[in-house]
Amino acid sequence: MNSSPVFLKAIPRSGGTLFVTMLDVHPEIAMSYEIYEDRLYSDTGAPLLVDDIIILLEETRQSARDDVQWIKRLSENNLRVFLFRAR
């Protein structure tokens, strides 16, 4: 089974809140109602690609004691805000 994260974004007024609510019941799925896509851009304004985000997460995770410390060590402020909201 592939353990790579998957990000989904609903179109407004399409049932996204219901979809999130249904998925959020599953114990192995983390959902968030308000994750702002502008937080998926680097501090310089360049888009953060999923592969780059995964690399950043893996590099900082190795030396962190817990999730909060892990997120605080990320170099990109926008990604930190995104992850704290997603957490």
PDB file of N, CA and C in Angstrom:
ATOM      1  N   MET A   1       0.835  -1.182   0.000  1.00  0.00           N
ATOM      2  CA  MET A   1       0.000   0.000   0.000  1.00  0.00           C
ATOM      3  C   MET A   1       0.876   1.240   0.000  1.00  0.00           C
ATOM      4  N   ASN A   2       0.546   2.209  -0.808  1.00  0.00           N
ATOM      5  CA  ASN A   2       1.290   3.458  -0.904  1.00  0.00           C
ATOM      6  C   ASN A   2       0.944   4.340   0.286  1.00  0.00           C
ATOM      7  N   SER A   3       1.963   4.850   1.000  1.00  0.00           N
ATOM      8  CA  SER A   3       1.697   5.680   2.180  1.00  0.00           C
ATOM      9  C   SER A   3       1.928   7.165   1.905  1.00  0.00           C
ATOM     10  N   SER A   4       2.013   7.542   0.656  1.00  0.00           N
ATOM     11  CA  SER A   4       2.183   8.954   0.321  1.00  0.00           C
ATOM     12  C   SER A   4       0.907   9.721   0.643  1.00  0.00           C
ATOM     13  N   PRO A   5       1.057  10.961   1.134  1.00  0.00           N
ATOM     14  CA  PRO A   5      -0.146  11.738   1.450  1.00  0.00           C
ATOM     15  C   PRO A   5      -0.919  12.119   0.197  1.00  0.00           C
ATOM     16  N   VAL A   6      -2.206  12.273   0.360  1.00  0.00           N
ATOM     17  CA  VAL A   6      -3.081  12.678  -0.730  1.00  0.00           C
ATOM     18  C   VAL A   6      -3.806  13.939  -0.280  1.00  0.00           C
ATOM     19  N   PHE A   7      -3.824  14.954  -1.121  1.00  0.00           N
ATOM     20  CA  PHE A   7      -4.521  16.194  -0.819  1.00  0.00           C
ATOM     21  C   PHE A   7      -5.699  16.325  -1.775  1.00  0.00           C
ATOM     22  N   LEU A   8      -6.877  16.551  -1.245  1.00  0.00           N
ATOM     23  CA  LEU A   8      -8.080  16.724  -2.043  1.00  0.00           C
ATOM     24  C   LEU A   8      -8.637  18.113  -1.793  1.00  0.00           C
ATOM     25  N   LYS A   9      -9.177  18.704  -2.842  1.00  0.00           N
ATOM     26  CA  LYS A   9      -9.805  20.012  -2.694  1.00  0.00           C
ATOM     27  C   LYS A   9     -11.131  19.982  -3.429  1.00  0.00           C
ATOM     28  N   ALA A  10     -12.174  20.358  -2.724  1.00  0.00           N
ATOM     29  CA  ALA A  10     -13.504  20.359  -3.323  1.00  0.00           C
ATOM     30  C   ALA A  10     -13.796  21.709  -3.971  1.00  0.00           C
ATOM     31  N   ILE A  11     -14.659  21.678  -4.927  1.00  0.00           N
ATOM     32  CA  ILE A  11     -15.156  22.897  -5.559  1.00  0.00           C
ATOM     33  C   ILE A  11     -16.251  23.460  -4.647  1.00  0.00           C
ATOM     34  N   PRO A  12     -16.304  24.781  -4.462  1.00  0.00           N
ATOM     35  CA  PRO A  12     -17.337  25.347  -3.586  1.00  0.00           C
ATOM     36  C   PRO A  12     -18.749  24.879  -3.983  1.00  0.00           C
ATOM     37  N   ARG A  13     -19.541  24.638  -2.956  1.00  0.00           N
ATOM     38  CA  ARG A  13     -20.940  24.232  -3.114  1.00  0.00           C
ATOM     39  C   ARG A  13     -21.090  22.879  -3.827  1.00  0.00           C
ATOM     40  N   SER A  14     -20.118  21.977  -3.625  1.00  0.00           N
ATOM     41  CA  SER A  14     -20.169  20.678  -4.301  1.00  0.00           C
ATOM     42  C   SER A  14     -20.335  19.507  -3.337  1.00  0.00           C
ATOM     43  N   GLY A  15     -20.528  19.789  -2.045  1.00  0.00           N
ATOM     44  CA  GLY A  15     -20.654  18.715  -1.067  1.00  0.00           C
ATOM     45  C   GLY A  15     -19.350  18.389  -0.365  1.00  0.00           C
ATOM     46  N   GLY A  16     -18.379  19.286  -0.467  1.00  0.00           N
ATOM     47  CA  GLY A  16     -17.068  19.059   0.143  1.00  0.00           C
ATOM     48  C   GLY A  16     -17.122  18.897   1.651  1.00  0.00           C
ATOM     49  N   THR A  17     -17.962  19.673   2.323  1.00  0.00           N
ATOM     50  CA  THR A  17     -18.068  19.564   3.778  1.00  0.00           C
ATOM     51  C   THR A  17     -18.618  18.197   4.177  1.00  0.00           C
ATOM     52  N   LEU A  18     -19.607  17.710   3.477  1.00  0.00           N
ATOM     53  CA  LEU A  18     -20.150  16.375   3.741  1.00  0.00           C
ATOM     54  C   LEU A  18     -19.082  15.317   3.490  1.00  0.00           C
ATOM     55  N   PHE A  19     -18.348  15.448   2.420  1.00  0.00           N
ATOM     56  CA  PHE A  19     -17.278  14.512   2.074  1.00  0.00           C
ATOM     57  C   PHE A  19     -16.221  14.480   3.180  1.00  0.00           C
ATOM     58  N   VAL A  20     -15.800  15.651   3.641  1.00  0.00           N
ATOM     59  CA  VAL A  20     -14.809  15.739   4.716  1.00  0.00           C
ATOM     60  C   VAL A  20     -15.350  15.103   5.989  1.00  0.00           C
ATOM     61  N   THR A  21     -16.590  15.375   6.312  1.00  0.00           N
ATOM     62  CA  THR A  21     -17.203  14.825   7.517  1.00  0.00           C
ATOM     63  C   THR A  21     -17.234  13.298   7.468  1.00  0.00           C
ATOM     64  N   MET A  22     -17.556  12.740   6.325  1.00  0.00           N
ATOM     65  CA  MET A  22     -17.607  11.282   6.191  1.00  0.00           C
ATOM     66  C   MET A  22     -16.208  10.666   6.295  1.00  0.00           C
ATOM     67  N   LEU A  23     -15.232  11.258   5.632  1.00  0.00           N
ATOM     68  CA  LEU A  23     -13.873  10.720   5.693  1.00  0.00           C
ATOM     69  C   LEU A  23     -13.258  10.874   7.077  1.00  0.00           C
ATOM     70  N   ASP A  24     -13.618  11.944   7.778  1.00  0.00           N
ATOM     71  CA  ASP A  24     -13.037  12.236   9.082  1.00  0.00           C
ATOM     72  C   ASP A  24     -13.380  11.182  10.127  1.00  0.00           C
ATOM     73  N   VAL A  25     -14.387  10.369   9.882  1.00  0.00           N
ATOM     74  CA  VAL A  25     -14.771   9.311  10.808  1.00  0.00           C
ATOM     75  C   VAL A  25     -13.718   8.198  10.839  1.00  0.00           C
ATOM     76  N   HIS A  26     -13.018   8.005   9.757  1.00  0.00           N
ATOM     77  CA  HIS A  26     -12.031   6.925   9.672  1.00  0.00           C
ATOM     78  C   HIS A  26     -10.824   7.247  10.553  1.00  0.00           C
ATOM     79  N   PRO A  27     -10.357   6.306  11.382  1.00  0.00           N
ATOM     80  CA  PRO A  27      -9.257   6.588  12.309  1.00  0.00           C
ATOM     81  C   PRO A  27      -7.898   6.794  11.643  1.00  0.00           C
ATOM     82  N   GLU A  28      -7.727   6.385  10.407  1.00  0.00           N
ATOM     83  CA  GLU A  28      -6.437   6.522   9.738  1.00  0.00           C
ATOM     84  C   GLU A  28      -6.421   7.659   8.718  1.00  0.00           C
ATOM     85  N   ILE A  29      -7.444   8.487   8.729  1.00  0.00           N
ATOM     86  CA  ILE A  29      -7.519   9.610   7.792  1.00  0.00           C
ATOM     87  C   ILE A  29      -7.587  10.901   8.584  1.00  0.00           C
ATOM     88  N   ALA A  30      -6.729  11.852   8.232  1.00  0.00           N
ATOM     89  CA  ALA A  30      -6.742  13.173   8.876  1.00  0.00           C
ATOM     90  C   ALA A  30      -7.362  14.161   7.910  1.00  0.00           C
ATOM     91  N   MET A  31      -8.388  14.853   8.374  1.00  0.00           N
ATOM     92  CA  MET A  31      -9.094  15.810   7.524  1.00  0.00           C
ATOM     93  C   MET A  31      -9.054  17.189   8.161  1.00  0.00           C
ATOM     94  N   SER A  32      -9.200  18.197   7.342  1.00  0.00           N
ATOM     95  CA  SER A  32      -9.298  19.559   7.831  1.00  0.00           C
ATOM     96  C   SER A  32     -10.326  20.291   6.996  1.00  0.00           C
ATOM     97  N   TYR A  33     -11.115  21.118   7.647  1.00  0.00           N
ATOM     98  CA  TYR A  33     -12.149  21.863   6.942  1.00  0.00           C
ATOM     99  C   TYR A  33     -11.611  23.137   6.321  1.00  0.00           C
ATOM    100  N   GLU A  34     -10.621  23.757   6.946  1.00  0.00           N
ATOM    101  CA  GLU A  34     -10.113  25.037   6.466  1.00  0.00           C
ATOM    102  C   GLU A  34      -8.602  24.994   6.317  1.00  0.00           C
ATOM    103  N   ILE A  35      -8.140  24.490   5.204  1.00  0.00           N
ATOM    104  CA  ILE A  35      -6.721  24.536   4.877  1.00  0.00           C
ATOM    105  C   ILE A  35      -6.611  25.429   3.652  1.00  0.00           C
ATOM    106  N   TYR A  36      -5.992  26.548   3.831  1.00  0.00           N
ATOM    107  CA  TYR A  36      -5.960  27.545   2.776  1.00  0.00           C
ATOM    108  C   TYR A  36      -4.844  27.254   1.781  1.00  0.00           C
ATOM    109  N   GLU A  37      -5.216  27.167   0.506  1.00  0.00           N
ATOM    110  CA  GLU A  37      -4.240  26.767  -0.506  1.00  0.00           C
ATOM    111  C   GLU A  37      -3.100  27.758  -0.667  1.00  0.00           C
ATOM    112  N   ASP A  38      -3.272  29.019  -0.245  1.00  0.00           N
ATOM    113  CA  ASP A  38      -2.165  29.959  -0.342  1.00  0.00           C
ATOM    114  C   ASP A  38      -1.029  29.562   0.585  1.00  0.00           C
ATOM    115  N   ARG A  39      -1.289  28.675   1.524  1.00  0.00           N
ATOM    116  CA  ARG A  39      -0.248  28.193   2.430  1.00  0.00           C
ATOM    117  C   ARG A  39       0.589  27.098   1.781  1.00  0.00           C
ATOM    118  N   LEU A  40       0.244  26.690   0.580  1.00  0.00           N
ATOM    119  CA  LEU A  40       1.039  25.705  -0.147  1.00  0.00           C
ATOM    120  C   LEU A  40       2.008  26.374  -1.113  1.00  0.00           C
ATOM    121  N   TYR A  41       2.318  27.629  -0.825  1.00  0.00           N
ATOM    122  CA  TYR A  41       3.336  28.360  -1.577  1.00  0.00           C
ATOM    123  C   TYR A  41       4.475  28.680  -0.628  1.00  0.00           C
ATOM    124  N   SER A  42       5.684  28.694  -1.161  1.00  0.00           N
ATOM    125  CA  SER A  42       6.834  29.010  -0.316  1.00  0.00           C
ATOM    126  C   SER A  42       6.748  30.465   0.132  1.00  0.00           C
ATOM    127  N   ASP A  43       7.605  30.822   1.054  1.00  0.00           N
ATOM    128  CA  ASP A  43       7.630  32.196   1.542  1.00  0.00           C
ATOM    129  C   ASP A  43       7.998  33.180   0.433  1.00  0.00           C
ATOM    130  N   THR A  44       8.639  32.690  -0.626  1.00  0.00           N
ATOM    131  CA  THR A  44       9.008  33.546  -1.759  1.00  0.00           C
ATOM    132  C   THR A  44       7.899  33.651  -2.793  1.00  0.00           C
ATOM    133  N   GLY A  45       6.831  32.841  -2.629  1.00  0.00           N
ATOM    134  CA  GLY A  45       5.707  32.887  -3.560  1.00  0.00           C
ATOM    135  C   GLY A  45       5.696  31.767  -4.576  1.00  0.00           C
ATOM    136  N   ALA A  46       6.740  30.953  -4.609  1.00  0.00           N
ATOM    137  CA  ALA A  46       6.793  29.827  -5.546  1.00  0.00           C
ATOM    138  C   ALA A  46       5.928  28.683  -5.011  1.00  0.00           C
ATOM    139  N   PRO A  47       5.214  27.979  -5.895  1.00  0.00           N
ATOM    140  CA  PRO A  47       4.381  26.874  -5.415  1.00  0.00           C
ATOM    141  C   PRO A  47       5.229  25.765  -4.800  1.00  0.00           C
ATOM    142  N   LEU A  48       4.749  25.190  -3.700  1.00  0.00           N
ATOM    143  CA  LEU A  48       5.399  24.032  -3.093  1.00  0.00           C
ATOM    144  C   LEU A  48       4.779  22.783  -3.709  1.00  0.00           C
ATOM    145  N   LEU A  49       5.592  22.020  -4.395  1.00  0.00           N
ATOM    146  CA  LEU A  49       5.116  20.790  -5.011  1.00  0.00           C
ATOM    147  C   LEU A  49       5.055  19.685  -3.964  1.00  0.00           C
ATOM    148  N   VAL A  50       4.168  18.738  -4.146  1.00  0.00           N
ATOM    149  CA  VAL A  50       3.972  17.670  -3.172  1.00  0.00           C
ATOM    150  C   VAL A  50       5.286  16.947  -2.889  1.00  0.00           C
ATOM    151  N   ASP A  51       6.067  16.657  -3.921  1.00  0.00           N
ATOM    152  CA  ASP A  51       7.349  15.970  -3.713  1.00  0.00           C
ATOM    153  C   ASP A  51       8.282  16.795  -2.837  1.00  0.00           C
ATOM    154  N   ASP A  52       8.309  18.121  -3.038  1.00  0.00           N
ATOM    155  CA  ASP A  52       9.145  18.998  -2.220  1.00  0.00           C
ATOM    156  C   ASP A  52       8.659  19.032  -0.776  1.00  0.00           C
ATOM    157  N   ILE A  53       7.338  19.048  -0.583  1.00  0.00           N
ATOM    158  CA  ILE A  53       6.776  19.053   0.767  1.00  0.00           C
ATOM    159  C   ILE A  53       7.155  17.765   1.490  1.00  0.00           C
ATOM    160  N   ILE A  54       7.061  16.633   0.802  1.00  0.00           N
ATOM    161  CA  ILE A  54       7.397  15.351   1.418  1.00  0.00           C
ATOM    162  C   ILE A  54       8.860  15.332   1.835  1.00  0.00           C
ATOM    163  N   ILE A  55       9.738  15.838   0.993  1.00  0.00           N
ATOM    164  CA  ILE A  55      11.167  15.897   1.329  1.00  0.00           C
ATOM    165  C   ILE A  55      11.387  16.774   2.556  1.00  0.00           C
ATOM    166  N   LEU A  56      10.774  17.965   2.572  1.00  0.00           N
ATOM    167  CA  LEU A  56      10.906  18.859   3.735  1.00  0.00           C
ATOM    168  C   LEU A  56      10.425  18.177   5.011  1.00  0.00           C
ATOM    169  N   LEU A  57       9.293  17.484   4.919  1.00  0.00           N
ATOM    170  CA  LEU A  57       8.742  16.806   6.088  1.00  0.00           C
ATOM    171  C   LEU A  57       9.653  15.679   6.571  1.00  0.00           C
ATOM    172  N   GLU A  58      10.165  14.884   5.639  1.00  0.00           N
ATOM    173  CA  GLU A  58      11.031  13.768   6.020  1.00  0.00           C
ATOM    174  C   GLU A  58      12.331  14.253   6.635  1.00  0.00           C
ATOM    175  N   GLU A  59      12.908  15.325   6.094  1.00  0.00           N
ATOM    176  CA  GLU A  59      14.172  15.854   6.611  1.00  0.00           C
ATOM    177  C   GLU A  59      14.030  16.371   8.036  1.00  0.00           C
ATOM    178  N   THR A  60      12.943  17.036   8.338  1.00  0.00           N
ATOM    179  CA  THR A  60      12.780  17.610   9.670  1.00  0.00           C
ATOM    180  C   THR A  60      12.223  16.609  10.674  1.00  0.00           C
ATOM    181  N   ARG A  61      11.513  15.615  10.217  1.00  0.00           N
ATOM    182  CA  ARG A  61      10.895  14.639  11.121  1.00  0.00           C
ATOM    183  C   ARG A  61      11.934  13.817  11.861  1.00  0.00           C
ATOM    184  N   GLN A  62      13.044  13.531  11.220  1.00  0.00           N
ATOM    185  CA  GLN A  62      14.045  12.641  11.800  1.00  0.00           C
ATOM    186  C   GLN A  62      14.604  13.158  13.125  1.00  0.00           C
ATOM    187  N   SER A  63      14.663  14.465  13.316  1.00  0.00           N
ATOM    188  CA  SER A  63      15.286  15.009  14.512  1.00  0.00           C
ATOM    189  C   SER A  63      14.289  15.584  15.516  1.00  0.00           C
ATOM    190  N   ALA A  64      13.008  15.442  15.259  1.00  0.00           N
ATOM    191  CA  ALA A  64      11.991  16.034  16.143  1.00  0.00           C
ATOM    192  C   ALA A  64      11.512  15.028  17.183  1.00  0.00           C
ATOM    193  N   ARG A  65      11.184  15.553  18.367  1.00  0.00           N
ATOM    194  CA  ARG A  65      10.662  14.701  19.444  1.00  0.00           C
ATOM    195  C   ARG A  65       9.166  14.460  19.304  1.00  0.00           C
ATOM    196  N   ASP A  66       8.435  15.461  18.811  1.00  0.00           N
ATOM    197  CA  ASP A  66       6.988  15.345  18.690  1.00  0.00           C
ATOM    198  C   ASP A  66       6.524  16.158  17.478  1.00  0.00           C
ATOM    199  N   ASP A  67       5.221  16.068  17.183  1.00  0.00           N
ATOM    200  CA  ASP A  67       4.686  16.733  15.991  1.00  0.00           C
ATOM    201  C   ASP A  67       4.850  18.241  16.030  1.00  0.00           C
ATOM    202  N   VAL A  68       4.641  18.848  17.187  1.00  0.00           N
ATOM    203  CA  VAL A  68       4.740  20.310  17.278  1.00  0.00           C
ATOM    204  C   VAL A  68       6.168  20.754  17.000  1.00  0.00           C
ATOM    205  N   GLN A  69       7.128  20.090  17.626  1.00  0.00           N
ATOM    206  CA  GLN A  69       8.535  20.437  17.384  1.00  0.00           C
ATOM    207  C   GLN A  69       8.895  20.197  15.922  1.00  0.00           C
ATOM    208  N   TRP A  70       8.369  19.129  15.378  1.00  0.00           N
ATOM    209  CA  TRP A  70       8.636  18.786  13.981  1.00  0.00           C
ATOM    210  C   TRP A  70       8.170  19.909  13.059  1.00  0.00           C
ATOM    211  N   ILE A  71       6.952  20.354  13.249  1.00  0.00           N
ATOM    212  CA  ILE A  71       6.408  21.409  12.392  1.00  0.00           C
ATOM    213  C   ILE A  71       7.157  22.719  12.597  1.00  0.00           C
ATOM    214  N   LYS A  72       7.503  23.044  13.833  1.00  0.00           N
ATOM    215  CA  LYS A  72       8.217  24.296  14.114  1.00  0.00           C
ATOM    216  C   LYS A  72       9.588  24.346  13.449  1.00  0.00           C
ATOM    217  N   ARG A  73      10.185  23.203  13.182  1.00  0.00           N
ATOM    218  CA  ARG A  73      11.520  23.168  12.559  1.00  0.00           C
ATOM    219  C   ARG A  73      11.503  23.381  11.050  1.00  0.00           C
ATOM    220  N   LEU A  74      10.336  23.366  10.443  1.00  0.00           N
ATOM    221  CA  LEU A  74      10.260  23.559   8.991  1.00  0.00           C
ATOM    222  C   LEU A  74      10.718  24.966   8.623  1.00  0.00           C
ATOM    223  N   SER A  75      11.438  25.068   7.539  1.00  0.00           N
ATOM    224  CA  SER A  75      11.985  26.362   7.117  1.00  0.00           C
ATOM    225  C   SER A  75      10.934  27.268   6.479  1.00  0.00           C
ATOM    226  N   GLU A  76       9.901  26.705   5.905  1.00  0.00           N
ATOM    227  CA  GLU A  76       8.873  27.487   5.212  1.00  0.00           C
ATOM    228  C   GLU A  76       7.744  27.863   6.168  1.00  0.00           C
ATOM    229  N   ASN A  77       7.560  29.145   6.411  1.00  0.00           N
ATOM    230  CA  ASN A  77       6.509  29.611   7.320  1.00  0.00           C
ATOM    231  C   ASN A  77       5.122  29.209   6.819  1.00  0.00           C
ATOM    232  N   ASN A  78       4.854  29.381   5.534  1.00  0.00           N
ATOM    233  CA  ASN A  78       3.531  29.035   5.001  1.00  0.00           C
ATOM    234  C   ASN A  78       3.213  27.559   5.215  1.00  0.00           C
ATOM    235  N   LEU A  79       4.200  26.706   5.027  1.00  0.00           N
ATOM    236  CA  LEU A  79       3.983  25.272   5.231  1.00  0.00           C
ATOM    237  C   LEU A  79       3.740  24.982   6.709  1.00  0.00           C
ATOM    238  N   ARG A  80       4.438  25.682   7.594  1.00  0.00           N
ATOM    239  CA  ARG A  80       4.193  25.511   9.035  1.00  0.00           C
ATOM    240  C   ARG A  80       2.743  25.855   9.374  1.00  0.00           C
ATOM    241  N   VAL A  81       2.249  26.981   8.872  1.00  0.00           N
ATOM    242  CA  VAL A  81       0.869  27.385   9.140  1.00  0.00           C
ATOM    243  C   VAL A  81      -0.100  26.342   8.577  1.00  0.00           C
ATOM    244  N   PHE A  82       0.152  25.893   7.366  1.00  0.00           N
ATOM    245  CA  PHE A  82      -0.689  24.867   6.733  1.00  0.00           C
ATOM    246  C   PHE A  82      -0.759  23.617   7.599  1.00  0.00           C
ATOM    247  N   LEU A  83       0.406  23.150   8.066  1.00  0.00           N
ATOM    248  CA  LEU A  83       0.439  21.904   8.840  1.00  0.00           C
ATOM    249  C   LEU A  83      -0.180  22.062  10.221  1.00  0.00           C
ATOM    250  N   PHE A  84       0.008  23.216  10.855  1.00  0.00           N
ATOM    251  CA  PHE A  84      -0.636  23.422  12.155  1.00  0.00           C
ATOM    252  C   PHE A  84      -2.148  23.427  11.997  1.00  0.00           C
ATOM    253  N   ARG A  85      -2.650  23.995  10.922  1.00  0.00           N
ATOM    254  CA  ARG A  85      -4.100  23.973  10.694  1.00  0.00           C
ATOM    255  C   ARG A  85      -4.580  22.572  10.367  1.00  0.00           C
ATOM    256  N   ALA A  86      -3.788  21.827   9.603  1.00  0.00           N
ATOM    257  CA  ALA A  86      -4.169  20.472   9.230  1.00  0.00           C
ATOM    258  C   ALA A  86      -4.111  19.535  10.434  1.00  0.00           C
ATOM    259  N   ARG A  87      -3.172  19.793  11.329  1.00  0.00           N
ATOM    260  CA  ARG A  87      -2.983  18.948  12.514  1.00  0.00           C
ATOM    261  C   ARG A  87      -4.217  18.989  13.378  1.00  0.00           C
TER     262      ARG A  87
END
